PDB file of N, CA and C in Angstrom:
ATOM      1  N   MET A   1     106.680  85.339 158.343  1.00  0.00           N
ATOM      2  CA  MET A   1     105.863  86.583 158.854  1.00  0.00           C
ATOM      3  C   MET A   1     105.219  86.255 160.081  1.00  0.00           C
ATOM      4  N   ALA A   2     105.316  86.730 161.116  1.00  0.00           N
ATOM      5  CA  ALA A   2     104.774  86.390 162.574  1.00  0.00           C
ATOM      6  C   ALA A   2     103.036  86.508 162.273  1.00  0.00           C
ATOM      7  N   GLY A   3     102.542  85.373 163.186  1.00  0.00           N
ATOM      8  CA  GLY A   3     100.937  85.231 162.787  1.00  0.00           C
ATOM      9  C   GLY A   3     100.439  86.819 163.225  1.00  0.00           C
ATOM     10  N   TRP A   4     101.174  86.987 164.392  1.00  0.00           N
ATOM     11  CA  TRP A   4      99.909  88.403 165.185  1.00  0.00           C
ATOM     12  C   TRP A   4      99.990  89.505 163.832  1.00  0.00           C
ATOM     13  N   LEU A   5     101.279  89.578 163.192  1.00  0.00           N
ATOM     14  CA  LEU A   5     101.529  90.803 162.239  1.00  0.00           C
ATOM     15  C   LEU A   5     100.724  90.373 161.260  1.00  0.00           C
ATOM     16  N   ALA A   6     100.437  89.170 160.461  1.00  0.00           N
ATOM     17  CA  ALA A   6      99.402  88.786 159.463  1.00  0.00           C
ATOM     18  C   ALA A   6      98.201  89.183 159.916  1.00  0.00           C
ATOM     19  N   ASP A   7      97.991  88.761 160.901  1.00  0.00           N
ATOM     20  CA  ASP A   7      96.468  89.245 161.677  1.00  0.00           C
ATOM     21  C   ASP A   7      96.278  90.346 161.592  1.00  0.00           C
ATOM     22  N   ARG A   8      97.133  91.209 162.157  1.00  0.00           N
ATOM     23  CA  ARG A   8      96.676  92.706 161.774  1.00  0.00           C
ATOM     24  C   ARG A   8      97.068  93.526 160.657  1.00  0.00           C
ATOM     25  N   ILE A   9      97.934  92.881 159.792  1.00  0.00           N
ATOM     26  CA  ILE A   9      97.667  93.402 158.504  1.00  0.00           C
ATOM     27  C   ILE A   9      96.422  93.065 157.843  1.00  0.00           C
ATOM     28  N   LEU A  10      96.040  92.061 158.072  1.00  0.00           N
ATOM     29  CA  LEU A  10      94.558  91.668 157.151  1.00  0.00           C
ATOM     30  C   LEU A  10      93.499  92.116 157.951  1.00  0.00           C
ATOM     31  N   ASP A  11      93.410  92.379 159.058  1.00  0.00           N
ATOM     32  CA  ASP A  11      92.320  93.252 159.817  1.00  0.00           C
ATOM     33  C   ASP A  11      92.099  94.594 159.277  1.00  0.00           C
ATOM     34  N   TRP A  12      93.720  95.141 158.843  1.00  0.00           N
ATOM     35  CA  TRP A  12      93.371  96.346 158.463  1.00  0.00           C
ATOM     36  C   TRP A  12      93.201  96.534 157.043  1.00  0.00           C
ATOM     37  N   ALA A  13      93.545  95.606 156.268  1.00  0.00           N
ATOM     38  CA  ALA A  13      93.121  95.301 154.717  1.00  0.00           C
ATOM     39  C   ALA A  13      91.669  95.323 154.689  1.00  0.00           C
ATOM     40  N   GLU A  14      91.294  94.289 155.498  1.00  0.00           N
ATOM     41  CA  GLU A  14      90.118  93.963 155.248  1.00  0.00           C
ATOM     42  C   GLU A  14      88.748  95.379 155.501  1.00  0.00           C
ATOM     43  N   SER A  15      89.025  96.292 156.201  1.00  0.00           N
ATOM     44  CA  SER A  15      88.130  97.282 156.354  1.00  0.00           C
ATOM     45  C   SER A  15      88.402  98.361 155.499  1.00  0.00           C
ATOM     46  N   ARG A  16      89.380  98.327 154.045  1.00  0.00           N
ATOM     47  CA  ARG A  16      89.824  99.039 153.278  1.00  0.00           C
ATOM     48  C   ARG A  16      89.379  98.242 151.863  1.00  0.00           C
ATOM     49  N   PRO A  17      88.246  97.993 151.347  1.00  0.00           N
ATOM     50  CA  PRO A  17      87.767  97.594 150.177  1.00  0.00           C
ATOM     51  C   PRO A  17      88.792  97.784 148.667  1.00  0.00           C
ATOM     52  N   ALA A  18      89.384  99.098 148.810  1.00  0.00           N
ATOM     53  CA  ALA A  18      89.732  99.248 147.526  1.00  0.00           C
ATOM     54  C   ALA A  18      91.298  98.801 147.538  1.00  0.00           C
ATOM     55  N   ILE A  19      91.635  98.271 148.868  1.00  0.00           N
ATOM     56  CA  ILE A  19      93.333  97.750 148.769  1.00  0.00           C
ATOM     57  C   ILE A  19      93.066  96.260 148.698  1.00  0.00           C
ATOM     58  N   ARG A  20      91.989  95.930 149.679  1.00  0.00           N
ATOM     59  CA  ARG A  20      91.428  94.299 149.579  1.00  0.00           C
ATOM     60  C   ARG A  20      91.126  93.958 148.509  1.00  0.00           C
ATOM     61  N   ASP A  21      90.387  94.387 147.692  1.00  0.00           N
ATOM     62  CA  ASP A  21      89.808  93.652 146.511  1.00  0.00           C
ATOM     63  C   ASP A  21      90.533  93.618 145.104  1.00  0.00           C
ATOM     64  N   TYR A  22      91.833  94.536 145.310  1.00  0.00           N
ATOM     65  CA  TYR A  22      92.541  94.712 143.856  1.00  0.00           C
ATOM     66  C   TYR A  22      93.648  93.865 143.891  1.00  0.00           C
ATOM     67  N   TYR A  23      94.310  94.072 145.156  1.00  0.00           N
ATOM     68  CA  TYR A  23      95.836  93.188 145.070  1.00  0.00           C
ATOM     69  C   TYR A  23      96.018  92.883 146.700  1.00  0.00           C
ATOM     70  N   ALA A  24      96.933  91.699 146.666  1.00  0.00           N
ATOM     71  CA  ALA A  24      97.479  90.981 147.781  1.00  0.00           C
ATOM     72  C   ALA A  24      98.591  92.231 148.275  1.00  0.00           C
ATOM     73  N   VAL A  25      98.600  92.571 149.497  1.00  0.00           N
ATOM     74  CA  VAL A  25      99.925  93.669 150.144  1.00  0.00           C
ATOM     75  C   VAL A  25     100.935  93.268 149.303  1.00  0.00           C
ATOM     76  N   GLY A  26     101.659  94.189 148.741  1.00  0.00           N
ATOM     77  CA  GLY A  26     102.846  94.306 148.410  1.00  0.00           C
ATOM     78  C   GLY A  26     103.216  93.452 147.132  1.00  0.00           C
ATOM     79  N   THR A  27     102.086  93.095 146.648  1.00  0.00           N
ATOM     80  CA  THR A  27     102.009  92.532 144.917  1.00  0.00           C
ATOM     81  C   THR A  27     101.668  93.137 143.684  1.00  0.00           C
ATOM     82  N   GLY A  28     100.982  93.971 144.147  1.00  0.00           N
ATOM     83  CA  GLY A  28     100.333  94.778 142.965  1.00  0.00           C
ATOM     84  C   GLY A  28      99.152  94.041 142.206  1.00  0.00           C
ATOM     85  N   GLN A  29      98.638  94.918 141.112  1.00  0.00           N
ATOM     86  CA  GLN A  29      97.570  93.997 140.593  1.00  0.00           C
ATOM     87  C   GLN A  29      97.969  92.728 139.861  1.00  0.00           C
ATOM     88  N   TRP A  30      96.969  92.000 139.539  1.00  0.00           N
ATOM     89  CA  TRP A  30      97.346  90.831 139.104  1.00  0.00           C
ATOM     90  C   TRP A  30      97.736  91.001 137.471  1.00  0.00           C
ATOM     91  N   ARG A  31      98.756  90.548 136.795  1.00  0.00           N
ATOM     92  CA  ARG A  31      98.794  90.603 135.348  1.00  0.00           C
ATOM     93  C   ARG A  31      99.270  88.801 134.955  1.00  0.00           C
ATOM     94  N   PRO A  32      98.860  88.465 133.873  1.00  0.00           N
ATOM     95  CA  PRO A  32      99.050  87.343 133.298  1.00  0.00           C
ATOM     96  C   PRO A  32     100.484  87.290 133.098  1.00  0.00           C
ATOM     97  N   LEU A  33     101.607  86.231 133.486  1.00  0.00           N
ATOM     98  CA  LEU A  33     102.534  85.898 132.864  1.00  0.00           C
ATOM     99  C   LEU A  33     102.853  85.251 131.444  1.00  0.00           C
ATOM    100  N   PRO A  34     103.838  85.375 130.754  1.00  0.00           N
ATOM    101  CA  PRO A  34     104.020  84.752 129.936  1.00  0.00           C
ATOM    102  C   PRO A  34     103.961  83.116 129.954  1.00  0.00           C
ATOM    103  N   TYR A  35     103.750  82.066 129.049  1.00  0.00           N
ATOM    104  CA  TYR A  35     103.770  80.955 129.514  1.00  0.00           C
ATOM    105  C   TYR A  35     104.985  80.414 129.850  1.00  0.00           C
ATOM    106  N   VAL A  36     106.229  80.649 128.834  1.00  0.00           N
ATOM    107  CA  VAL A  36     107.282  80.390 129.152  1.00  0.00           C
ATOM    108  C   VAL A  36     107.865  80.469 130.731  1.00  0.00           C
ATOM    109  N   VAL A  37     107.429  81.562 131.075  1.00  0.00           N
ATOM    110  CA  VAL A  37     107.984  81.828 132.978  1.00  0.00           C
ATOM    111  C   VAL A  37     107.158  81.304 133.691  1.00  0.00           C
ATOM    112  N   ASN A  38     105.754  80.446 133.161  1.00  0.00           N
ATOM    113  CA  ASN A  38     105.081  80.084 134.361  1.00  0.00           C
ATOM    114  C   ASN A  38     105.636  78.714 135.096  1.00  0.00           C
ATOM    115  N   VAL A  39     105.294  78.769 136.070  1.00  0.00           N
ATOM    116  CA  VAL A  39     105.710  77.568 137.416  1.00  0.00           C
ATOM    117  C   VAL A  39     104.402  76.793 137.578  1.00  0.00           C
ATOM    118  N   LEU A  40     103.311  76.755 136.982  1.00  0.00           N
ATOM    119  CA  LEU A  40     101.884  76.155 137.376  1.00  0.00           C
ATOM    120  C   LEU A  40     101.857  74.648 136.477  1.00  0.00           C
ATOM    121  N   THR A  41     102.282  74.930 135.148  1.00  0.00           N
ATOM    122  CA  THR A  41     101.961  73.589 134.654  1.00  0.00           C
ATOM    123  C   THR A  41     102.955  73.438 133.206  1.00  0.00           C
ATOM    124  N   HIS A  42     103.191  72.333 132.609  1.00  0.00           N
ATOM    125  CA  HIS A  42     103.713  72.205 131.705  1.00  0.00           C
ATOM    126  C   HIS A  42     102.947  72.361 130.131  1.00  0.00           C
ATOM    127  N   SER A  43     101.768  72.170 130.426  1.00  0.00           N
ATOM    128  CA  SER A  43     100.881  72.337 129.323  1.00  0.00           C
ATOM    129  C   SER A  43     100.339  73.772 128.914  1.00  0.00           C
ATOM    130  N   ARG A  44     100.881  73.952 127.710  1.00  0.00           N
ATOM    131  CA  ARG A  44     100.470  75.340 127.408  1.00  0.00           C
ATOM    132  C   ARG A  44      98.967  75.644 127.000  1.00  0.00           C
ATOM    133  N   GLU A  45      98.135  74.494 126.649  1.00  0.00           N
ATOM    134  CA  GLU A  45      96.682  74.720 126.725  1.00  0.00           C
ATOM    135  C   GLU A  45      95.980  74.921 127.868  1.00  0.00           C
ATOM    136  N   ARG A  46      96.511  74.050 129.016  1.00  0.00           N
ATOM    137  CA  ARG A  46      95.998  74.095 130.510  1.00  0.00           C
ATOM    138  C   ARG A  46      96.285  75.635 131.043  1.00  0.00           C
ATOM    139  N   TYR A  47      97.524  75.985 130.746  1.00  0.00           N
ATOM    140  CA  TYR A  47      97.967  77.557 130.984  1.00  0.00           C
ATOM    141  C   TYR A  47      96.929  78.471 130.427  1.00  0.00           C
ATOM    142  N   ARG A  48      96.578  78.474 128.999  1.00  0.00           N
ATOM    143  CA  ARG A  48      95.842  79.673 128.235  1.00  0.00           C
ATOM    144  C   ARG A  48      94.446  79.148 128.719  1.00  0.00           C
ATOM    145  N   ARG A  49      94.169  78.050 129.200  1.00  0.00           N
ATOM    146  CA  ARG A  49      92.533  77.951 129.774  1.00  0.00           C
ATOM    147  C   ARG A  49      92.289  78.459 131.033  1.00  0.00           C
ATOM    148  N   SER A  50      93.420  78.541 131.944  1.00  0.00           N
ATOM    149  CA  SER A  50      93.500  79.237 133.138  1.00  0.00           C
ATOM    150  C   SER A  50      93.328  80.556 132.859  1.00  0.00           C
ATOM    151  N   LEU A  51      94.370  81.091 132.369  1.00  0.00           N
ATOM    152  CA  LEU A  51      93.967  82.326 132.148  1.00  0.00           C
ATOM    153  C   LEU A  51      92.929  83.066 131.298  1.00  0.00           C
ATOM    154  N   ARG A  52      92.004  82.376 130.727  1.00  0.00           N
ATOM    155  CA  ARG A  52      90.614  82.738 130.244  1.00  0.00           C
ATOM    156  C   ARG A  52      89.719  82.668 131.503  1.00  0.00           C
ATOM    157  N   TYR A  53      89.907  81.650 132.286  1.00  0.00           N
ATOM    158  CA  TYR A  53      89.203  81.235 133.384  1.00  0.00           C
ATOM    159  C   TYR A  53      89.224  82.504 134.173  1.00  0.00           C
ATOM    160  N   TYR A  54      90.243  82.860 134.542  1.00  0.00           N
ATOM    161  CA  TYR A  54      90.712  83.913 135.515  1.00  0.00           C
ATOM    162  C   TYR A  54      90.185  85.711 134.650  1.00  0.00           C
ATOM    163  N   ALA A  55      90.097  85.491 133.512  1.00  0.00           N
ATOM    164  CA  ALA A  55      89.484  86.624 132.787  1.00  0.00           C
ATOM    165  C   ALA A  55      87.964  86.865 133.024  1.00  0.00           C
ATOM    166  N   ASP A  56      87.617  85.482 132.845  1.00  0.00           N
ATOM    167  CA  ASP A  56      85.804  85.572 132.931  1.00  0.00           C
ATOM    168  C   ASP A  56      85.441  85.764 134.402  1.00  0.00           C
ATOM    169  N   TYR A  57      86.316  85.322 135.529  1.00  0.00           N
ATOM    170  CA  TYR A  57      86.043  85.279 136.766  1.00  0.00           C
ATOM    171  C   TYR A  57      86.830  86.026 137.672  1.00  0.00           C
ATOM    172  N   PRO A  58      87.474  87.443 137.411  1.00  0.00           N
ATOM    173  CA  PRO A  58      88.097  88.242 138.172  1.00  0.00           C
ATOM    174  C   PRO A  58      88.196  88.125 139.645  1.00  0.00           C
ATOM    175  N   GLU A  59      87.278  87.536 140.417  1.00  0.00           N
ATOM    176  CA  GLU A  59      86.987  87.467 141.746  1.00  0.00           C
ATOM    177  C   GLU A  59      88.066  86.349 142.121  1.00  0.00           C
ATOM    178  N   LEU A  60      88.324  85.371 141.479  1.00  0.00           N
ATOM    179  CA  LEU A  60      89.251  84.295 141.639  1.00  0.00           C
ATOM    180  C   LEU A  60      90.458  84.835 141.740  1.00  0.00           C
ATOM    181  N   GLN A  61      90.995  85.974 141.371  1.00  0.00           N
ATOM    182  CA  GLN A  61      92.653  86.178 141.397  1.00  0.00           C
ATOM    183  C   GLN A  61      93.033  86.841 142.352  1.00  0.00           C
TER     184      GLN A  61
END
């Protein structure tokens, strides 16, 4: 994506908290994926810990 277009989209979203705070443009709300399809880690425990952390601190999503 061109930088000027990304800047324009971000400027637009910044003034709309309902859009900005709940999902990235075009992705929808965050939903945890099952461990078997994750690409973040090979450790089941580490993945579970990350999901709990995101649930406790939703502002990180």
